Amino acid sequence: PAFEIPEKIHLICHEDRPDDLLMSLSAHKLDVMLTDSQLTGAPHIRTFHHLLGASGFSLYALHEEAARYREDFPKLLNGAPFLLPLENSGLRRSIEQWFEDEGIHPRVVAEFQDTALAKAFGQAGLGVFAAPSVVDRDVRREFGVELIAHVDAHPTRYFAISVERRFKHPAVLAILRAAREKIFQETEPEDVAIVATP
């Protein structure tokens, strides 16, 4: 969406620890931070969390494994090899809450900060991985994996974080509009102000 606006832009994407991104955001080195966690921030940094939407997650594997896990879902996932996001992510918390609800004890093969890398490992047949259900069609098409199941329990909320109440940059506005209108159509926009304290 950022490249569909009339203005020509130069887009720079950073991936880092949330605290480091928050410091860059407060120093106006970033225009927006996209995250699946509501951050409490660093001391004295006022942030605004703009809710983009919420999504359950979906589980994927290669064809044979996906078919087998579907047969007696979710019981057969107990002890199954899993590729998980790092512990500080909202998606990871949602997955672990669901594991606890269902009494599932997976065998964690690898953990990833980069979600695309986790999907590539899943595409190579190294384990079951999860992705937000709102991108289900894209995951199956791009990585050639099959859906095991959609899990609606414990949906993850996704935020655009800024240090200003209103976004002004046209590229950021285009990204947020597309997220709300095309990806998370069912979620009402919501802004939450958070003032971090020491």
N, C-alpha and C. Protein backbone atom coordinates (compact mmCIF):
# COMPACT_ATOMS: atom_id res chain seq x y z
N PRO A 1 0.80 -1.23 0.00
CA PRO A 1 0.00 0.00 0.00
C PRO A 1 0.84 1.28 0.00
N ALA A 2 2.01 1.24 0.63
CA ALA A 2 2.86 2.44 0.68
C ALA A 2 3.33 2.85 -0.71
N PHE A 3 3.45 1.89 -1.62
CA PHE A 3 3.93 2.20 -2.96
C PHE A 3 2.80 2.53 -3.93
N GLU A 4 1.58 2.50 -3.44
CA GLU A 4 0.44 2.82 -4.30
C GLU A 4 0.00 4.28 -4.17
N ILE A 5 0.61 5.02 -3.25
CA ILE A 5 0.25 6.43 -3.09
C ILE A 5 0.94 7.25 -4.17
N PRO A 6 0.42 8.45 -4.48
CA PRO A 6 1.03 9.27 -5.54
C PRO A 6 2.48 9.69 -5.24
N GLU A 7 2.79 9.93 -3.97
CA GLU A 7 4.14 10.35 -3.61
C GLU A 7 5.13 9.20 -3.77
N LYS A 8 6.32 9.53 -4.24
CA LYS A 8 7.38 8.51 -4.33
C LYS A 8 8.03 8.40 -2.95
N ILE A 9 8.22 7.17 -2.50
CA ILE A 9 8.80 6.98 -1.16
C ILE A 9 10.01 6.07 -1.22
N HIS A 10 10.81 6.15 -0.19
CA HIS A 10 11.93 5.24 0.04
C HIS A 10 11.62 4.57 1.37
N LEU A 11 11.30 3.30 1.33
CA LEU A 11 10.87 2.57 2.52
C LEU A 11 12.06 1.86 3.16
N ILE A 12 12.22 2.03 4.47
CA ILE A 12 13.26 1.33 5.22
C ILE A 12 12.57 0.57 6.35
N CYS A 13 12.79 -0.75 6.40
CA CYS A 13 12.15 -1.60 7.41
C CYS A 13 13.22 -2.12 8.37
N HIS A 14 12.97 -1.96 9.66
CA HIS A 14 13.88 -2.46 10.69
C HIS A 14 13.17 -3.54 11.48
N GLU A 15 13.92 -4.57 11.87
CA GLU A 15 13.41 -5.58 12.80
C GLU A 15 14.40 -5.64 13.95
N ASP A 16 13.88 -5.47 15.16
CA ASP A 16 14.76 -5.40 16.32
C ASP A 16 13.96 -5.74 17.57
N ARG A 17 14.61 -5.69 18.71
CA ARG A 17 13.92 -5.88 19.98
C ARG A 17 12.93 -4.73 20.18
N PRO A 18 11.77 -5.00 20.76
CA PRO A 18 10.77 -3.94 20.93
C PRO A 18 11.29 -2.70 21.66
N ASP A 19 12.10 -2.89 22.71
CA ASP A 19 12.62 -1.74 23.45
C ASP A 19 13.51 -0.86 22.58
N ASP A 20 14.33 -1.49 21.73
CA ASP A 20 15.22 -0.71 20.85
C ASP A 20 14.42 0.04 19.80
N LEU A 21 13.40 -0.62 19.24
CA LEU A 21 12.56 0.05 18.25
C LEU A 21 11.81 1.22 18.89
N LEU A 22 11.39 1.03 20.12
CA LEU A 22 10.67 2.09 20.83
C LEU A 22 11.57 3.30 21.04
N MET A 23 12.83 3.08 21.37
CA MET A 23 13.77 4.19 21.53
C MET A 23 13.97 4.92 20.20
N SER A 24 14.08 4.18 19.10
CA SER A 24 14.22 4.81 17.78
C SER A 24 12.96 5.59 17.41
N LEU A 25 11.82 5.05 17.78
CA LEU A 25 10.55 5.73 17.52
C LEU A 25 10.49 7.04 18.29
N SER A 26 10.89 7.01 19.55
CA SER A 26 10.84 8.23 20.38
C SER A 26 11.83 9.28 19.89
N ALA A 27 12.92 8.84 19.24
CA ALA A 27 13.91 9.77 18.69
C ALA A 27 13.54 10.21 17.27
N HIS A 28 12.34 9.83 16.82
CA HIS A 28 11.82 10.18 15.49
C HIS A 28 12.70 9.63 14.36
N LYS A 29 13.34 8.49 14.62
CA LYS A 29 14.10 7.80 13.58
C LYS A 29 13.19 6.83 12.83
N LEU A 30 12.03 6.54 13.39
CA LEU A 30 11.02 5.69 12.76
C LEU A 30 9.70 6.44 12.71
N ASP A 31 8.90 6.14 11.69
CA ASP A 31 7.58 6.77 11.59
C ASP A 31 6.52 5.97 12.32
N VAL A 32 6.67 4.64 12.33
CA VAL A 32 5.67 3.79 12.97
C VAL A 32 6.33 2.46 13.34
N MET A 33 5.79 1.85 14.36
CA MET A 33 6.26 0.52 14.79
C MET A 33 5.06 -0.41 14.74
N LEU A 34 5.18 -1.52 14.05
CA LEU A 34 4.12 -2.52 13.96
C LEU A 34 4.47 -3.68 14.88
N THR A 35 3.52 -4.09 15.71
CA THR A 35 3.83 -5.12 16.71
C THR A 35 2.59 -5.91 17.09
N ASP A 36 2.82 -7.09 17.63
CA ASP A 36 1.70 -7.90 18.13
C ASP A 36 1.68 -7.90 19.66
N SER A 37 2.29 -6.88 20.26
CA SER A 37 2.31 -6.77 21.71
C SER A 37 2.00 -5.33 22.12
N GLN A 38 1.25 -5.19 23.18
CA GLN A 38 1.02 -3.87 23.74
C GLN A 38 2.20 -3.57 24.66
N LEU A 39 2.98 -2.57 24.30
CA LEU A 39 4.23 -2.30 25.01
C LEU A 39 4.02 -1.31 26.14
N THR A 40 4.75 -1.51 27.21
CA THR A 40 4.70 -0.55 28.31
C THR A 40 5.76 0.52 28.12
N GLY A 41 6.71 0.28 27.23
CA GLY A 41 7.65 1.30 26.84
C GLY A 41 8.83 1.48 27.77
N ALA A 42 9.57 2.52 27.48
CA ALA A 42 10.73 2.90 28.27
C ALA A 42 10.34 4.09 29.14
N PRO A 43 11.12 4.38 30.16
CA PRO A 43 10.77 5.48 31.05
C PRO A 43 10.51 6.79 30.31
N HIS A 44 9.40 7.41 30.65
CA HIS A 44 9.04 8.75 30.17
C HIS A 44 8.78 8.82 28.66
N ILE A 45 8.53 7.71 28.00
CA ILE A 45 8.17 7.76 26.58
C ILE A 45 6.66 7.57 26.48
N ARG A 46 6.00 8.56 25.93
CA ARG A 46 4.56 8.46 25.74
C ARG A 46 4.31 7.86 24.36
N THR A 47 3.56 6.78 24.33
CA THR A 47 3.27 6.12 23.06
C THR A 47 1.77 5.98 22.87
N PHE A 48 1.37 5.89 21.62
CA PHE A 48 -0.03 5.67 21.27
C PHE A 48 -0.12 4.36 20.52
N HIS A 49 -0.95 3.47 21.04
CA HIS A 49 -1.17 2.16 20.41
C HIS A 49 -2.46 2.25 19.59
N HIS A 50 -2.32 2.12 18.29
CA HIS A 50 -3.46 2.17 17.39
C HIS A 50 -3.78 0.73 17.00
N LEU A 51 -4.90 0.23 17.48
CA LEU A 51 -5.27 -1.16 17.20
C LEU A 51 -5.60 -1.33 15.72
N LEU A 52 -4.90 -2.24 15.07
CA LEU A 52 -5.18 -2.55 13.67
C LEU A 52 -6.22 -3.65 13.55
N GLY A 53 -6.16 -4.62 14.45
CA GLY A 53 -7.10 -5.72 14.42
C GLY A 53 -6.60 -6.87 15.27
N ALA A 54 -7.35 -7.94 15.24
CA ALA A 54 -7.00 -9.13 16.02
C ALA A 54 -7.22 -10.36 15.14
N SER A 55 -6.47 -11.40 15.46
CA SER A 55 -6.59 -12.63 14.68
C SER A 55 -6.24 -13.83 15.53
N GLY A 56 -6.95 -14.92 15.30
CA GLY A 56 -6.53 -16.20 15.83
C GLY A 56 -5.33 -16.66 15.02
N PHE A 57 -4.86 -17.87 15.26
CA PHE A 57 -3.73 -18.37 14.49
C PHE A 57 -4.11 -19.67 13.80
N SER A 58 -3.33 -20.02 12.80
CA SER A 58 -3.52 -21.26 12.07
C SER A 58 -2.23 -22.07 12.13
N LEU A 59 -2.38 -23.39 12.10
CA LEU A 59 -1.23 -24.29 12.16
C LEU A 59 -1.03 -24.95 10.81
N TYR A 60 0.24 -25.08 10.40
CA TYR A 60 0.58 -25.60 9.08
C TYR A 60 1.68 -26.64 9.16
N ALA A 61 1.70 -27.50 8.14
CA ALA A 61 2.78 -28.47 7.97
C ALA A 61 2.75 -28.92 6.52
N LEU A 62 3.72 -29.73 6.14
CA LEU A 62 3.71 -30.30 4.80
C LEU A 62 2.54 -31.28 4.67
N HIS A 63 2.20 -31.64 3.46
CA HIS A 63 0.99 -32.39 3.15
C HIS A 63 0.76 -33.62 4.03
N GLU A 64 1.74 -34.53 4.08
CA GLU A 64 1.54 -35.78 4.82
C GLU A 64 1.34 -35.53 6.31
N GLU A 65 2.18 -34.66 6.86
CA GLU A 65 2.07 -34.36 8.29
C GLU A 65 0.76 -33.65 8.60
N ALA A 66 0.39 -32.69 7.77
CA ALA A 66 -0.84 -31.94 8.01
C ALA A 66 -2.05 -32.88 8.01
N ALA A 67 -2.09 -33.80 7.07
CA ALA A 67 -3.20 -34.75 7.00
C ALA A 67 -3.24 -35.63 8.24
N ARG A 68 -2.08 -36.05 8.70
CA ARG A 68 -2.02 -36.92 9.89
C ARG A 68 -2.48 -36.17 11.13
N TYR A 69 -1.99 -34.92 11.31
CA TYR A 69 -2.37 -34.14 12.50
C TYR A 69 -3.86 -33.79 12.50
N ARG A 70 -4.46 -33.66 11.32
CA ARG A 70 -5.88 -33.34 11.23
C ARG A 70 -6.76 -34.50 11.68
N GLU A 71 -6.25 -35.73 11.56
CA GLU A 71 -7.05 -36.92 11.86
C GLU A 71 -7.56 -36.93 13.29
N ASP A 72 -6.71 -36.58 14.23
CA ASP A 72 -7.12 -36.56 15.63
C ASP A 72 -6.62 -35.26 16.25
N PHE A 73 -7.13 -34.16 15.72
CA PHE A 73 -6.70 -32.83 16.17
C PHE A 73 -7.42 -32.49 17.46
N PRO A 74 -6.76 -31.94 18.46
CA PRO A 74 -5.34 -31.57 18.50
C PRO A 74 -4.45 -32.60 19.19
N LYS A 75 -5.00 -33.77 19.56
CA LYS A 75 -4.24 -34.73 20.36
C LYS A 75 -2.92 -35.14 19.74
N LEU A 76 -2.90 -35.33 18.41
CA LEU A 76 -1.66 -35.80 17.77
C LEU A 76 -0.55 -34.75 17.77
N LEU A 77 -0.87 -33.53 18.16
CA LEU A 77 0.17 -32.50 18.24
C LEU A 77 1.02 -32.64 19.51
N ASN A 78 0.55 -33.46 20.43
CA ASN A 78 1.33 -33.68 21.64
C ASN A 78 2.64 -34.39 21.27
N GLY A 79 3.77 -33.75 21.54
CA GLY A 79 5.07 -34.31 21.18
C GLY A 79 5.50 -34.01 19.76
N ALA A 80 4.66 -33.33 18.98
CA ALA A 80 5.01 -33.02 17.59
C ALA A 80 6.10 -31.96 17.54
N PRO A 81 6.94 -31.99 16.50
CA PRO A 81 7.98 -30.97 16.36
C PRO A 81 7.34 -29.62 15.99
N PHE A 82 7.69 -28.57 16.72
CA PHE A 82 7.12 -27.25 16.48
C PHE A 82 8.21 -26.22 16.23
N LEU A 83 7.89 -25.28 15.35
CA LEU A 83 8.72 -24.12 15.05
C LEU A 83 7.96 -22.92 15.61
N LEU A 84 8.47 -22.30 16.65
CA LEU A 84 7.72 -21.27 17.36
C LEU A 84 8.35 -19.89 17.25
N PRO A 85 7.51 -18.85 17.33
CA PRO A 85 8.07 -17.49 17.44
C PRO A 85 8.77 -17.35 18.80
N LEU A 86 9.61 -16.32 18.92
CA LEU A 86 10.28 -16.08 20.19
C LEU A 86 9.27 -15.76 21.29
N GLU A 87 9.68 -15.95 22.52
CA GLU A 87 8.76 -15.83 23.66
C GLU A 87 8.20 -14.44 23.86
N ASN A 88 8.85 -13.39 23.36
CA ASN A 88 8.36 -12.05 23.60
C ASN A 88 7.27 -11.60 22.63
N SER A 89 6.79 -12.51 21.78
CA SER A 89 5.77 -12.11 20.80
C SER A 89 4.37 -12.46 21.28
N GLY A 90 3.40 -11.67 20.82
CA GLY A 90 2.01 -11.93 21.15
C GLY A 90 1.54 -13.26 20.59
N LEU A 91 1.99 -13.59 19.38
CA LEU A 91 1.60 -14.86 18.76
C LEU A 91 2.09 -16.03 19.61
N ARG A 92 3.30 -15.96 20.11
CA ARG A 92 3.83 -17.04 20.95
C ARG A 92 2.98 -17.20 22.21
N ARG A 93 2.61 -16.08 22.84
CA ARG A 93 1.78 -16.16 24.04
C ARG A 93 0.44 -16.81 23.74
N SER A 94 -0.15 -16.47 22.60
CA SER A 94 -1.43 -17.08 22.21
C SER A 94 -1.31 -18.58 22.02
N ILE A 95 -0.24 -18.98 21.33
CA ILE A 95 0.00 -20.41 21.08
C ILE A 95 0.19 -21.15 22.40
N GLU A 96 1.00 -20.60 23.29
CA GLU A 96 1.27 -21.28 24.56
C GLU A 96 0.02 -21.36 25.44
N GLN A 97 -0.82 -20.32 25.41
CA GLN A 97 -2.07 -20.39 26.17
C GLN A 97 -2.96 -21.51 25.63
N TRP A 98 -2.98 -21.66 24.31
CA TRP A 98 -3.78 -22.72 23.71
C TRP A 98 -3.20 -24.10 24.04
N PHE A 99 -1.87 -24.23 23.99
CA PHE A 99 -1.22 -25.48 24.39
C PHE A 99 -1.67 -25.86 25.81
N GLU A 100 -1.65 -24.89 26.70
CA GLU A 100 -2.02 -25.15 28.09
C GLU A 100 -3.49 -25.57 28.19
N ASP A 101 -4.37 -24.86 27.47
CA ASP A 101 -5.80 -25.21 27.47
C ASP A 101 -6.03 -26.64 27.02
N GLU A 102 -5.29 -27.06 26.00
CA GLU A 102 -5.50 -28.38 25.38
C GLU A 102 -4.61 -29.47 25.97
N GLY A 103 -3.71 -29.11 26.89
CA GLY A 103 -2.80 -30.10 27.46
C GLY A 103 -1.78 -30.62 26.47
N ILE A 104 -1.35 -29.76 25.55
CA ILE A 104 -0.40 -30.16 24.52
C ILE A 104 1.02 -29.79 24.96
N HIS A 105 1.93 -30.74 24.82
CA HIS A 105 3.34 -30.51 25.16
C HIS A 105 4.14 -30.80 23.90
N PRO A 106 4.38 -29.76 23.09
CA PRO A 106 5.09 -29.97 21.83
C PRO A 106 6.59 -30.17 22.06
N ARG A 107 7.25 -30.66 21.06
CA ARG A 107 8.72 -30.73 21.07
C ARG A 107 9.19 -29.52 20.26
N VAL A 108 9.72 -28.52 20.95
CA VAL A 108 10.15 -27.29 20.27
C VAL A 108 11.49 -27.56 19.57
N VAL A 109 11.45 -27.49 18.25
CA VAL A 109 12.63 -27.76 17.43
C VAL A 109 13.46 -26.49 17.25
N ALA A 110 12.77 -25.36 17.06
CA ALA A 110 13.48 -24.09 16.83
C ALA A 110 12.55 -22.93 17.18
N GLU A 111 13.17 -21.79 17.50
CA GLU A 111 12.43 -20.57 17.78
C GLU A 111 12.98 -19.46 16.89
N PHE A 112 12.10 -18.57 16.43
CA PHE A 112 12.49 -17.58 15.43
C PHE A 112 11.99 -16.19 15.78
N GLN A 113 12.82 -15.21 15.51
CA GLN A 113 12.35 -13.82 15.55
C GLN A 113 11.73 -13.49 14.20
N ASP A 114 12.32 -14.01 13.14
CA ASP A 114 11.87 -13.75 11.78
C ASP A 114 10.80 -14.76 11.39
N THR A 115 9.57 -14.30 11.23
CA THR A 115 8.47 -15.23 10.93
C THR A 115 8.62 -15.87 9.56
N ALA A 116 9.20 -15.15 8.60
CA ALA A 116 9.39 -15.74 7.28
C ALA A 116 10.37 -16.90 7.35
N LEU A 117 11.37 -16.81 8.20
CA LEU A 117 12.34 -17.89 8.37
C LEU A 117 11.67 -19.12 8.98
N ALA A 118 10.78 -18.90 9.95
CA ALA A 118 10.05 -20.02 10.55
C ALA A 118 9.22 -20.73 9.49
N LYS A 119 8.58 -19.95 8.61
CA LYS A 119 7.77 -20.56 7.55
C LYS A 119 8.65 -21.34 6.57
N ALA A 120 9.84 -20.82 6.29
CA ALA A 120 10.76 -21.52 5.39
C ALA A 120 11.20 -22.85 5.99
N PHE A 121 11.43 -22.89 7.29
CA PHE A 121 11.78 -24.15 7.96
C PHE A 121 10.58 -25.11 7.91
N GLY A 122 9.38 -24.57 8.08
CA GLY A 122 8.18 -25.40 7.96
C GLY A 122 8.02 -25.94 6.56
N GLN A 123 8.32 -25.12 5.57
CA GLN A 123 8.25 -25.54 4.17
C GLN A 123 9.24 -26.67 3.90
N ALA A 124 10.36 -26.68 4.64
CA ALA A 124 11.37 -27.73 4.48
C ALA A 124 11.00 -29.00 5.25
N GLY A 125 9.86 -28.97 5.94
CA GLY A 125 9.39 -30.17 6.62
C GLY A 125 9.96 -30.39 8.01
N LEU A 126 10.48 -29.33 8.64
CA LEU A 126 11.13 -29.49 9.93
C LEU A 126 10.20 -29.35 11.13
N GLY A 127 8.92 -29.07 10.88
CA GLY A 127 7.99 -28.99 11.99
C GLY A 127 6.74 -28.23 11.66
N VAL A 128 5.82 -28.23 12.63
CA VAL A 128 4.57 -27.49 12.54
C VAL A 128 4.86 -26.04 12.89
N PHE A 129 4.24 -25.11 12.17
CA PHE A 129 4.41 -23.70 12.52
C PHE A 129 3.06 -23.01 12.48
N ALA A 130 3.01 -21.85 13.12
CA ALA A 130 1.77 -21.08 13.21
C ALA A 130 1.94 -19.74 12.50
N ALA A 131 0.82 -19.22 12.02
CA ALA A 131 0.78 -17.88 11.44
C ALA A 131 -0.60 -17.31 11.73
N PRO A 132 -0.74 -15.98 11.75
CA PRO A 132 -2.06 -15.41 11.98
C PRO A 132 -3.05 -15.90 10.91
N SER A 133 -4.24 -16.24 11.33
CA SER A 133 -5.24 -16.77 10.40
C SER A 133 -5.60 -15.79 9.30
N VAL A 134 -5.44 -14.49 9.55
CA VAL A 134 -5.80 -13.50 8.53
C VAL A 134 -4.91 -13.58 7.29
N VAL A 135 -3.76 -14.25 7.39
CA VAL A 135 -2.89 -14.40 6.22
C VAL A 135 -2.84 -15.85 5.75
N ASP A 136 -3.85 -16.63 6.09
CA ASP A 136 -3.88 -18.06 5.76
C ASP A 136 -3.65 -18.34 4.27
N ARG A 137 -4.40 -17.69 3.42
CA ARG A 137 -4.30 -17.96 1.98
C ARG A 137 -2.89 -17.66 1.47
N ASP A 138 -2.31 -16.55 1.92
CA ASP A 138 -0.96 -16.18 1.49
C ASP A 138 0.08 -17.20 1.94
N VAL A 139 -0.04 -17.67 3.19
CA VAL A 139 0.92 -18.65 3.72
C VAL A 139 0.87 -19.94 2.90
N ARG A 140 -0.35 -20.44 2.64
CA ARG A 140 -0.46 -21.70 1.89
C ARG A 140 0.06 -21.55 0.47
N ARG A 141 -0.25 -20.42 -0.16
CA ARG A 141 0.19 -20.22 -1.54
C ARG A 141 1.70 -20.03 -1.63
N GLU A 142 2.25 -19.19 -0.75
CA GLU A 142 3.67 -18.85 -0.85
C GLU A 142 4.59 -19.97 -0.40
N PHE A 143 4.18 -20.75 0.60
CA PHE A 143 5.09 -21.74 1.17
C PHE A 143 4.73 -23.18 0.82
N GLY A 144 3.64 -23.39 0.11
CA GLY A 144 3.29 -24.73 -0.33
C GLY A 144 3.01 -25.70 0.80
N VAL A 145 2.46 -25.19 1.90
CA VAL A 145 2.13 -26.02 3.05
C VAL A 145 0.62 -26.16 3.14
N GLU A 146 0.18 -27.07 4.02
CA GLU A 146 -1.27 -27.29 4.18
C GLU A 146 -1.72 -26.89 5.56
N LEU A 147 -2.95 -26.45 5.61
CA LEU A 147 -3.57 -26.07 6.86
C LEU A 147 -3.88 -27.31 7.70
N ILE A 148 -3.50 -27.26 8.97
CA ILE A 148 -3.93 -28.30 9.90
C ILE A 148 -5.24 -27.87 10.54
N ALA A 149 -5.27 -26.65 11.07
CA ALA A 149 -6.51 -26.15 11.69
C ALA A 149 -6.37 -24.66 11.98
N HIS A 150 -7.53 -23.99 12.04
CA HIS A 150 -7.60 -22.61 12.54
C HIS A 150 -7.90 -22.69 14.04
N VAL A 151 -7.25 -21.85 14.82
CA VAL A 151 -7.48 -21.80 16.26
C VAL A 151 -7.91 -20.37 16.60
N ASP A 152 -9.16 -20.23 17.04
CA ASP A 152 -9.68 -18.90 17.34
C ASP A 152 -9.49 -18.50 18.79
N ALA A 153 -9.09 -19.44 19.64
CA ALA A 153 -8.89 -19.12 21.06
C ALA A 153 -7.71 -18.17 21.21
N HIS A 154 -7.78 -17.28 22.15
CA HIS A 154 -6.70 -16.36 22.50
C HIS A 154 -6.19 -15.57 21.28
N PRO A 155 -7.06 -14.80 20.62
CA PRO A 155 -6.59 -14.04 19.45
C PRO A 155 -5.50 -13.03 19.83
N THR A 156 -4.60 -12.81 18.90
CA THR A 156 -3.52 -11.85 19.07
C THR A 156 -3.97 -10.51 18.51
N ARG A 157 -3.67 -9.45 19.25
CA ARG A 157 -4.00 -8.10 18.79
C ARG A 157 -2.76 -7.48 18.16
N TYR A 158 -2.96 -6.76 17.05
CA TYR A 158 -1.87 -6.15 16.32
C TYR A 158 -2.01 -4.63 16.38
N PHE A 159 -0.88 -3.96 16.63
CA PHE A 159 -0.88 -2.52 16.85
C PHE A 159 0.11 -1.80 15.94
N ALA A 160 -0.25 -0.56 15.62
CA ALA A 160 0.70 0.40 15.06
C ALA A 160 1.00 1.36 16.20
N ILE A 161 2.26 1.52 16.54
CA ILE A 161 2.63 2.36 17.67
C ILE A 161 3.33 3.62 17.16
N SER A 162 2.95 4.74 17.75
CA SER A 162 3.55 6.01 17.38
C SER A 162 3.78 6.83 18.64
N VAL A 163 4.53 7.91 18.48
CA VAL A 163 4.71 8.84 19.60
C VAL A 163 3.78 10.04 19.43
N GLU A 164 3.01 10.05 18.36
CA GLU A 164 2.01 11.10 18.13
C GLU A 164 0.64 10.46 18.05
N ARG A 165 -0.36 11.22 18.47
CA ARG A 165 -1.72 10.68 18.47
C ARG A 165 -2.22 10.38 17.04
N ARG A 166 -1.88 11.23 16.10
CA ARG A 166 -2.36 11.07 14.72
C ARG A 166 -1.17 10.88 13.77
N PHE A 167 -1.31 9.95 12.85
CA PHE A 167 -0.29 9.74 11.83
C PHE A 167 -0.43 10.79 10.74
N LYS A 168 0.71 11.24 10.22
CA LYS A 168 0.69 12.25 9.18
C LYS A 168 1.32 11.76 7.87
N HIS A 169 2.30 10.88 7.99
CA HIS A 169 3.01 10.43 6.79
C HIS A 169 2.05 9.67 5.88
N PRO A 170 1.95 10.06 4.59
CA PRO A 170 0.97 9.40 3.70
C PRO A 170 1.22 7.91 3.50
N ALA A 171 2.48 7.47 3.52
CA ALA A 171 2.77 6.05 3.35
C ALA A 171 2.30 5.26 4.57
N VAL A 172 2.52 5.81 5.76
CA VAL A 172 2.07 5.15 6.99
C VAL A 172 0.55 5.08 7.00
N LEU A 173 -0.10 6.16 6.62
CA LEU A 173 -1.57 6.16 6.56
C LEU A 173 -2.08 5.10 5.59
N ALA A 174 -1.42 4.94 4.46
CA ALA A 174 -1.83 3.93 3.47
C ALA A 174 -1.67 2.52 4.03
N ILE A 175 -0.58 2.28 4.74
CA ILE A 175 -0.35 0.96 5.33
C ILE A 175 -1.42 0.65 6.37
N LEU A 176 -1.70 1.61 7.24
CA LEU A 176 -2.68 1.39 8.31
C LEU A 176 -4.09 1.23 7.74
N ARG A 177 -4.42 2.02 6.73
CA ARG A 177 -5.74 1.90 6.11
C ARG A 177 -5.91 0.51 5.49
N ALA A 178 -4.88 0.03 4.79
CA ALA A 178 -4.96 -1.29 4.16
C ALA A 178 -5.08 -2.39 5.22
N ALA A 179 -4.34 -2.24 6.32
CA ALA A 179 -4.42 -3.25 7.38
C ALA A 179 -5.83 -3.32 7.94
N ARG A 180 -6.42 -2.17 8.20
CA ARG A 180 -7.75 -2.15 8.80
C ARG A 180 -8.85 -2.55 7.83
N GLU A 181 -8.73 -2.14 6.57
CA GLU A 181 -9.81 -2.38 5.62
C GLU A 181 -9.70 -3.70 4.86
N LYS A 182 -8.49 -4.18 4.64
CA LYS A 182 -8.31 -5.39 3.83
C LYS A 182 -7.94 -6.62 4.65
N ILE A 183 -7.24 -6.43 5.75
CA ILE A 183 -6.80 -7.58 6.55
C ILE A 183 -7.70 -7.81 7.75
N PHE A 184 -7.91 -6.76 8.53
CA PHE A 184 -8.68 -6.89 9.77
C PHE A 184 -10.03 -6.17 9.63
N GLN A 185 -10.84 -6.54 8.66
CA GLN A 185 -12.08 -5.82 8.39
C GLN A 185 -13.05 -5.81 9.56
N GLU A 186 -13.03 -6.84 10.39
CA GLU A 186 -14.05 -6.98 11.43
C GLU A 186 -13.72 -6.24 12.72
N THR A 187 -12.53 -5.67 12.83
CA THR A 187 -12.13 -5.05 14.09
C THR A 187 -12.34 -3.55 14.02
N GLU A 188 -12.94 -3.00 15.06
CA GLU A 188 -13.12 -1.55 15.14
C GLU A 188 -11.80 -0.89 15.50
N PRO A 189 -11.40 0.19 14.77
CA PRO A 189 -10.18 0.89 15.13
C PRO A 189 -10.27 1.44 16.55
N GLU A 190 -9.14 1.49 17.20
CA GLU A 190 -9.11 1.93 18.59
C GLU A 190 -7.73 2.50 18.87
N ASP A 191 -7.67 3.64 19.55
CA ASP A 191 -6.40 4.22 19.93
C ASP A 191 -6.27 4.16 21.44
N VAL A 192 -5.11 3.74 21.89
CA VAL A 192 -4.86 3.63 23.32
C VAL A 192 -3.60 4.42 23.64
N ALA A 193 -3.67 5.38 24.53
CA ALA A 193 -2.48 6.12 24.94
C ALA A 193 -1.85 5.41 26.12
N ILE A 194 -0.54 5.26 26.07
CA ILE A 194 0.19 4.63 27.17
C ILE A 194 1.36 5.54 27.53
N VAL A 195 1.47 5.87 28.78
CA VAL A 195 2.62 6.63 29.25
C VAL A 195 3.48 5.68 30.07
N ALA A 196 4.68 5.46 29.63
CA ALA A 196 5.58 4.54 30.33
C ALA A 196 6.09 5.23 31.60
N THR A 197 6.25 4.44 32.63
CA THR A 197 6.77 4.98 33.88
C THR A 197 8.02 4.24 34.29
N PRO A 198 8.93 4.89 35.01
CA PRO A 198 10.18 4.21 35.39
C PRO A 198 9.94 3.05 36.33
